[in-house]
Amino acid sequence: MFFLCVQFLSFNDLNDFFFQLMVEDILHHGAILNDIELKGENVIVSNRGAPKFAENTRDQVKQLKDGYTNLLTSAKQNQESLAVSLDRWHNYKKELEEGQEFLKQYLPAWKSEMGTAHADNLPEAQVQLTKAKEMWEKLSCLRQNLNLSLAQCRPAGAAATDQTDSVMSSALFKFSSDVNHNLIGEMNQIENHLDSLRDEIKSWETIDALKTELRTTLRNKKEEVKMLEQNPSRLPEAAAEMEIVKLQSLKNDVDEKKGSLKDLNDRYHKLTQHNPQLSDPIINAVQEDWEELLCYISNVLDEKEQERKTRKRFQDQQYEIDEDLARYAQELEQIELKGSSEVQMDRITVGGL
């Protein structure tokens, strides 16, 4: 379709001039037709005695006049159709020039700005994605308008044979091919940029999710430690041992989670390598809270261990005291038993005397 349309455009300017000359020539022959019509009337008047001849002459003059009228109408219609086609081609060429200007002047500045812009967080990356989408949509709209404008360019005038070689060598074809080639190339580049921005946004979303997860973990672990810390200090030995085991398990869990914190830092620094001085206040706060939590657990663990040891010493002392009391009571009992047996022996001896 494009080849055929450009082919006709190659001849439209010439055809417009040709149709203009044709219309002028037809109008010029209108005077000759008037003379013929007048002569025909004279022939008819001169041959009233031959009605059949007069009627034939009248029909011939009418046919000639009708043919002239149809020819003039057809020529004017073709000229008007050609003028409409030329307007559409000129409009297409104008849109090509505007598209070329957009690609050569405005787009490079936009690409330079986007090339130097680096997102420092998720909202900035989303703004860049929106801008890239808007630019892609502009280029897509430009391409659609060019295709629509080209589709409206219909061949005008007489049919022409296929002249592909001349079409492909025409200035308009080359200009149109260059503009469309550049347009498609720029759209492909922006599509690649969009893919890159989408990947970057996913990375920022992962970082935000990790921050949320770690902050939630911190809060939950602090609450667990606090509950264990607030438990009564005088617990049975088994319960006290269980508390210490739980605290140690919490400490190990928090310590192992430091790997996630390192992963979070690595991801953040990878995305902000364009500016190594950047830091995220939330990540910094999580790191500080993480160290504080580990210290907090260690302190509570030491306190619970000390309480357990103190309680154990106290219990051991109690056991020793209880054992001493038991031995003392046993000795008293033995003394009492011994004293009772001696009294009985004395009574027996006195009774025998």
Protein backbone atom coordinates (compact mmCIF):
# COMPACT_ATOMS: atom_id res chain seq x y z
CA MET A 1 0.00 0.00 0.00
CA PHE A 2 2.81 2.38 0.90
CA PHE A 3 4.62 1.69 -2.38
CA LEU A 4 1.46 2.32 -4.38
CA CYS A 5 0.64 5.51 -2.51
CA VAL A 6 4.13 6.92 -2.83
CA GLN A 7 4.12 5.94 -6.49
CA PHE A 8 1.06 8.09 -7.08
CA LEU A 9 2.50 10.90 -5.03
CA SER A 10 5.50 10.89 -7.35
CA PHE A 11 3.14 11.77 -10.19
CA ASN A 12 0.47 13.76 -8.37
CA ASP A 13 2.01 17.18 -8.85
CA LEU A 14 2.43 16.47 -12.57
CA ASN A 15 -1.07 14.96 -12.77
CA ASP A 16 -2.56 18.02 -11.09
CA PHE A 17 -1.03 20.23 -13.76
CA PHE A 18 -2.15 17.77 -16.44
CA PHE A 19 -5.77 17.80 -15.20
CA GLN A 20 -5.74 21.58 -15.02
CA LEU A 21 -4.63 21.76 -18.64
CA MET A 22 -7.20 19.14 -19.56
CA VAL A 23 -10.04 21.09 -17.93
CA GLU A 24 -8.89 24.30 -19.64
CA ASP A 25 -8.68 22.45 -22.96
CA ILE A 26 -12.16 21.00 -22.47
CA LEU A 27 -13.52 24.44 -21.61
CA HIS A 28 -11.79 25.80 -24.68
CA HIS A 29 -13.57 23.19 -26.79
CA GLY A 30 -16.83 24.31 -25.24
CA ALA A 31 -16.89 27.24 -27.66
CA ILE A 32 -16.37 24.83 -30.54
CA LEU A 33 -19.24 22.72 -29.22
CA ASN A 34 -21.44 25.83 -29.13
CA ASP A 35 -20.58 26.49 -32.76
CA ILE A 36 -21.39 22.88 -33.63
CA GLU A 37 -24.67 23.12 -31.75
CA LEU A 38 -25.53 26.34 -33.61
CA LYS A 39 -24.66 24.80 -36.95
CA GLY A 40 -26.72 21.77 -36.07
CA GLU A 41 -29.74 23.96 -35.40
CA ASN A 42 -29.21 25.64 -38.76
CA VAL A 43 -29.02 22.24 -40.44
CA ILE A 44 -32.24 21.18 -38.73
CA VAL A 45 -33.99 24.38 -39.80
CA SER A 46 -32.69 23.99 -43.34
CA ASN A 47 -33.97 20.43 -43.54
CA ARG A 48 -37.48 20.74 -42.20
CA GLY A 49 -38.67 18.74 -45.12
CA ALA A 50 -36.56 15.83 -43.96
CA PRO A 51 -37.73 15.23 -40.38
CA LYS A 52 -35.78 12.00 -40.01
CA PHE A 53 -32.53 13.70 -40.95
CA ALA A 54 -33.33 16.62 -38.63
CA GLU A 55 -34.05 14.22 -35.77
CA ASN A 56 -30.77 12.33 -36.33
CA THR A 57 -28.86 15.59 -36.43
CA ARG A 58 -30.52 16.71 -33.21
CA ASP A 59 -29.64 13.38 -31.51
CA GLN A 60 -26.04 13.58 -32.64
CA VAL A 61 -25.69 17.14 -31.36
CA LYS A 62 -27.29 16.10 -28.04
CA GLN A 63 -24.97 13.10 -27.70
CA LEU A 64 -22.00 15.28 -28.43
CA LYS A 65 -23.15 17.84 -25.87
CA ASP A 66 -23.86 15.19 -23.24
CA GLY A 67 -20.48 13.59 -23.89
CA TYR A 68 -18.81 16.95 -23.50
CA THR A 69 -20.66 17.60 -20.24
CA ASN A 70 -19.72 14.16 -18.86
CA LEU A 71 -16.12 14.63 -19.92
CA LEU A 72 -15.92 18.01 -18.23
CA THR A 73 -17.61 16.69 -15.08
CA SER A 74 -15.28 13.69 -14.95
CA ALA A 75 -12.22 15.86 -15.46
CA LYS A 76 -13.27 18.25 -12.68
CA GLN A 77 -14.05 15.35 -10.35
CA ASN A 78 -10.65 13.81 -11.04
CA GLN A 79 -9.02 17.18 -10.45
CA GLU A 80 -10.87 17.64 -7.15
CA SER A 81 -10.04 14.07 -6.08
CA LEU A 82 -6.41 14.68 -6.98
CA ALA A 83 -6.41 17.91 -4.96
CA VAL A 84 -7.77 16.03 -1.92
CA SER A 85 -5.11 13.35 -2.37
CA LEU A 86 -2.39 15.97 -2.65
CA ASP A 87 -3.60 17.65 0.53
CA ARG A 88 -3.43 14.34 2.33
CA TRP A 89 0.07 13.62 1.03
CA HIS A 90 1.23 17.07 2.00
CA ASN A 91 -0.27 16.52 5.44
CA TYR A 92 1.54 13.16 5.70
CA LYS A 93 4.80 14.79 4.71
CA LYS A 94 4.22 17.53 7.27
CA GLU A 95 3.61 14.93 9.99
CA LEU A 96 6.80 13.15 8.95
CA GLU A 97 8.73 16.41 9.31
CA GLU A 98 7.19 17.05 12.73
CA GLY A 99 8.00 13.50 13.79
CA GLN A 100 11.57 13.87 12.56
CA GLU A 101 11.91 17.13 14.48
CA PHE A 102 10.60 15.46 17.65
CA LEU A 103 13.06 12.57 17.27
CA LYS A 104 16.05 14.79 16.48
CA GLN A 105 15.50 17.69 18.87
CA TYR A 106 13.26 16.88 21.84
CA LEU A 107 13.90 13.16 22.34
CA PRO A 108 17.72 13.34 22.73
CA ALA A 109 17.35 15.90 25.55
CA TRP A 110 14.80 13.65 27.27
CA LYS A 111 17.07 10.60 26.90
CA SER A 112 20.00 12.55 28.31
CA GLU A 113 17.92 13.60 31.31
CA MET A 114 16.68 10.06 31.92
CA GLY A 115 20.18 8.67 31.46
CA THR A 116 21.59 10.79 34.26
CA ALA A 117 18.62 10.32 36.60
CA HIS A 118 19.10 7.66 39.27
CA ALA A 119 16.41 6.57 41.70
CA ASP A 120 17.36 6.75 45.39
CA ASN A 121 14.18 5.01 46.54
CA LEU A 122 11.02 3.29 45.33
CA PRO A 123 8.90 6.45 44.74
CA GLU A 124 11.62 7.97 42.54
CA ALA A 125 11.90 4.75 40.52
CA GLN A 126 8.12 4.75 40.03
CA VAL A 127 8.24 8.36 38.81
CA GLN A 128 10.90 7.42 36.27
CA LEU A 129 8.78 4.48 35.11
CA THR A 130 5.79 6.79 34.62
CA LYS A 131 7.88 9.23 32.57
CA ALA A 132 9.25 6.44 30.38
CA LYS A 133 5.73 5.08 29.82
CA GLU A 134 4.49 8.53 28.83
CA MET A 135 7.31 8.93 26.31
CA TRP A 136 6.69 5.48 24.85
CA GLU A 137 3.00 6.32 24.50
CA LYS A 138 3.89 9.58 22.72
CA LEU A 139 6.05 7.73 20.22
CA SER A 140 3.39 5.04 19.80
CA CYS A 141 0.77 7.73 19.16
CA LEU A 142 3.10 9.41 16.65
CA ARG A 143 3.55 6.13 14.81
CA GLN A 144 -0.19 5.44 14.78
CA ASN A 145 -0.91 8.92 13.44
CA LEU A 146 1.66 8.48 10.67
CA ASN A 147 0.15 5.12 9.69
CA LEU A 148 -3.35 6.58 9.77
CA SER A 149 -2.28 9.56 7.68
CA LEU A 150 -0.59 7.26 5.16
CA ALA A 151 -3.68 5.03 4.99
CA GLN A 152 -5.78 8.09 4.10
CA CYS A 153 -3.53 8.83 1.12
CA ARG A 154 -5.36 7.13 -1.72
CA PRO A 155 -4.09 7.07 -5.29
CA ALA A 156 -5.71 9.77 -7.41
CA GLY A 157 -5.91 10.07 -11.17
CA ALA A 158 -5.42 7.36 -13.70
CA ALA A 159 -4.20 3.92 -12.72
CA ALA A 160 -0.46 3.44 -12.92
CA THR A 161 1.71 0.41 -13.35
CA ASP A 162 3.88 -0.79 -10.48
CA GLN A 163 7.06 1.23 -10.39
CA THR A 164 8.64 -0.12 -7.22
CA ASP A 165 12.19 0.88 -8.16
CA SER A 166 11.22 4.50 -8.72
CA VAL A 167 9.15 4.52 -5.56
CA MET A 168 11.98 3.15 -3.43
CA SER A 169 14.36 5.70 -4.86
CA SER A 170 12.00 8.61 -4.28
CA ALA A 171 12.93 11.24 -1.70
CA LEU A 172 9.64 10.85 0.18
CA PHE A 173 10.01 7.09 0.47
CA LYS A 174 13.53 7.45 1.86
CA PHE A 175 12.42 10.18 4.24
CA SER A 176 9.44 8.12 5.43
CA SER A 177 11.59 5.00 5.82
CA ASP A 178 14.17 6.91 7.87
CA VAL A 179 11.55 8.42 10.17
CA ASN A 180 9.76 5.11 10.73
CA HIS A 181 13.05 3.25 11.22
CA ASN A 182 14.24 5.80 13.78
CA LEU A 183 10.85 5.83 15.47
CA ILE A 184 10.75 2.05 15.88
CA GLY A 185 14.36 2.04 17.10
CA GLU A 186 13.64 4.67 19.75
CA MET A 187 10.53 2.80 20.89
CA ASN A 188 12.57 -0.39 21.27
CA GLN A 189 15.17 1.46 23.34
CA ILE A 190 12.48 2.86 25.63
CA GLU A 191 10.92 -0.60 25.97
CA ASN A 192 14.31 -1.91 27.13
CA HIS A 193 14.56 1.01 29.54
CA LEU A 194 11.07 0.21 30.84
CA ASP A 195 12.09 -3.41 31.47
CA SER A 196 15.16 -2.19 33.36
CA LEU A 197 13.05 0.20 35.46
CA ARG A 198 10.54 -2.56 36.24
CA ASP A 199 13.40 -4.78 37.46
CA GLU A 200 14.71 -1.88 39.56
CA ILE A 201 11.28 -1.30 41.07
CA LYS A 202 11.04 -4.99 41.99
CA SER A 203 14.41 -4.66 43.73
CA TRP A 204 13.21 -1.59 45.66
CA GLU A 205 10.01 -3.43 46.59
CA THR A 206 12.11 -6.36 47.85
CA ILE A 207 14.14 -3.94 49.98
CA ASP A 208 10.98 -2.40 51.44
CA ALA A 209 9.57 -5.87 52.14
CA LEU A 210 12.81 -6.88 53.88
CA LYS A 211 12.76 -3.71 55.99
CA THR A 212 9.18 -4.41 57.04
CA GLU A 213 9.97 -8.06 57.80
CA LEU A 214 13.02 -7.21 59.90
CA ARG A 215 11.23 -4.46 61.82
CA THR A 216 8.38 -6.88 62.56
CA THR A 217 10.90 -9.51 63.68
CA LEU A 218 12.56 -6.98 65.98
CA ARG A 219 9.27 -5.98 67.55
CA ASN A 220 8.16 -9.58 68.09
CA LYS A 221 11.51 -10.68 69.53
CA LYS A 222 11.58 -7.72 71.91
CA GLU A 223 8.13 -8.62 73.17
CA GLU A 224 9.17 -12.25 73.70
CA VAL A 225 12.28 -11.23 75.63
CA LYS A 226 10.29 -8.75 77.69
CA MET A 227 7.77 -11.41 78.66
CA LEU A 228 10.56 -13.77 79.73
CA GLU A 229 12.27 -10.98 81.63
CA GLN A 230 9.08 -10.17 83.54
CA ASN A 231 8.50 -13.77 84.63
CA PRO A 232 8.84 -14.35 88.41
CA SER A 233 12.44 -14.85 89.48
CA ARG A 234 11.61 -17.65 91.93
CA LEU A 235 10.67 -20.41 89.55
CA PRO A 236 11.21 -24.12 89.97
CA GLU A 237 14.55 -25.35 88.69
CA ALA A 238 13.04 -26.97 85.58
CA ALA A 239 11.08 -23.81 84.70
CA ALA A 240 14.13 -21.64 85.19
CA GLU A 241 16.17 -23.91 82.94
CA MET A 242 13.41 -23.70 80.29
CA GLU A 243 13.51 -19.91 80.41
CA ILE A 244 17.25 -19.89 79.83
CA VAL A 245 16.86 -22.32 76.92
CA LYS A 246 14.21 -20.07 75.37
CA LEU A 247 16.38 -16.98 75.76
CA GLN A 248 19.36 -18.74 74.23
CA SER A 249 17.19 -19.90 71.34
CA LEU A 250 15.94 -16.31 70.84
CA LYS A 251 19.50 -15.03 70.84
CA ASN A 252 20.57 -17.63 68.27
CA ASP A 253 17.57 -16.83 66.08
CA VAL A 254 18.24 -13.08 66.17
CA ASP A 255 21.92 -13.70 65.48
CA GLU A 256 21.10 -15.88 62.48
CA LYS A 257 18.73 -13.23 61.13
CA LYS A 258 21.69 -10.88 60.83
CA GLY A 259 22.22 -12.58 57.47
CA SER A 260 18.98 -11.01 56.25
CA LEU A 261 20.19 -7.65 57.51
CA LYS A 262 23.41 -8.07 55.53
CA ASP A 263 21.40 -9.04 52.45
CA LEU A 264 19.29 -5.91 52.90
CA ASN A 265 22.41 -3.74 53.07
CA ASP A 266 23.93 -5.39 50.00
CA ARG A 267 20.76 -4.87 47.96
CA TYR A 268 20.51 -1.24 49.02
CA HIS A 269 24.15 -0.46 48.20
CA LYS A 270 23.81 -2.16 44.83
CA LEU A 271 20.87 0.10 43.90
CA THR A 272 22.59 3.23 45.23
CA GLN A 273 26.08 2.59 43.90
CA HIS A 274 25.69 5.79 41.84
CA ASN A 275 25.99 7.61 45.18
CA PRO A 276 27.84 5.58 47.84
CA GLN A 277 27.23 8.27 50.46
CA LEU A 278 23.50 7.55 50.50
CA SER A 279 22.07 5.80 53.54
CA ASP A 280 18.59 4.69 54.51
CA PRO A 281 17.51 5.90 57.97
CA ILE A 282 15.22 2.91 58.44
CA ILE A 283 18.00 0.44 57.62
CA ASN A 284 20.34 2.29 59.97
CA ALA A 285 17.71 2.20 62.72
CA VAL A 286 17.12 -1.52 62.16
CA GLN A 287 20.86 -2.18 62.46
CA GLU A 288 21.08 -0.22 65.70
CA ASP A 289 17.97 -1.87 67.12
CA TRP A 290 19.33 -5.26 66.10
CA GLU A 291 22.53 -4.77 68.08
CA GLU A 292 20.54 -3.39 71.00
CA LEU A 293 18.25 -6.42 70.91
CA LEU A 294 21.21 -8.80 70.98
CA CYS A 295 22.65 -6.86 73.94
CA TYR A 296 19.25 -6.86 75.63
CA ILE A 297 18.87 -10.63 75.24
CA SER A 298 22.42 -11.19 76.53
CA ASN A 299 21.72 -9.04 79.60
CA VAL A 300 18.46 -10.79 80.38
CA LEU A 301 20.13 -14.13 79.79
CA ASP A 302 22.93 -13.22 82.22
CA GLU A 303 20.41 -12.03 84.79
CA LYS A 304 18.38 -15.22 84.51
CA GLU A 305 21.52 -17.34 84.70
CA GLN A 306 22.70 -15.42 87.75
CA GLU A 307 19.27 -15.79 89.36
CA ARG A 308 19.35 -19.51 88.65
CA LYS A 309 22.82 -19.85 90.18
CA THR A 310 21.86 -17.78 93.22
CA ARG A 311 18.70 -19.80 93.67
CA LYS A 312 20.71 -23.00 93.29
CA ARG A 313 23.16 -21.92 95.99
CA PHE A 314 20.30 -20.99 98.26
CA GLN A 315 18.61 -24.31 97.65
CA ASP A 316 21.87 -26.15 98.28
CA GLN A 317 22.29 -24.29 101.58
CA GLN A 318 18.73 -25.15 102.49
CA TYR A 319 19.40 -28.77 101.72
CA GLU A 320 22.51 -28.71 103.95
CA ILE A 321 20.61 -27.07 106.80
CA ASP A 322 17.78 -29.56 106.43
CA GLU A 323 20.27 -32.43 106.46
CA ASP A 324 22.01 -31.02 109.56
CA LEU A 325 18.68 -30.60 111.34
CA ALA A 326 17.72 -34.14 110.39
CA ARG A 327 21.01 -35.51 111.78
CA TYR A 328 20.61 -33.45 114.96
CA ALA A 329 17.09 -34.71 115.48
CA GLN A 330 18.29 -38.25 114.89
CA GLU A 331 21.08 -37.84 117.44
CA LEU A 332 18.65 -36.41 119.98
CA GLU A 333 16.37 -39.31 119.42
CA GLN A 334 19.22 -41.73 119.91
CA ILE A 335 20.28 -39.93 123.09
CA GLU A 336 16.73 -40.06 124.39
CA LEU A 337 16.52 -43.75 123.60
CA LYS A 338 19.86 -44.41 125.33
CA GLY A 339 18.86 -42.40 128.42
CA SER A 340 15.56 -44.28 128.68
CA SER A 341 17.28 -47.69 128.59
CA GLU A 342 19.72 -46.72 131.38
CA VAL A 343 16.87 -45.59 133.63
CA GLN A 344 15.13 -48.89 133.13
CA MET A 345 18.31 -50.80 134.01
CA ASP A 346 18.70 -48.78 137.19
CA ARG A 347 15.14 -49.64 138.21
CA ILE A 348 15.75 -53.33 137.64
CA THR A 349 18.91 -53.23 139.73
CA VAL A 350 17.20 -51.48 142.65
CA GLY A 351 14.29 -53.87 142.58
CA GLY A 352 16.66 -56.87 142.85
CA LEU A 353 18.25 -55.55 146.01
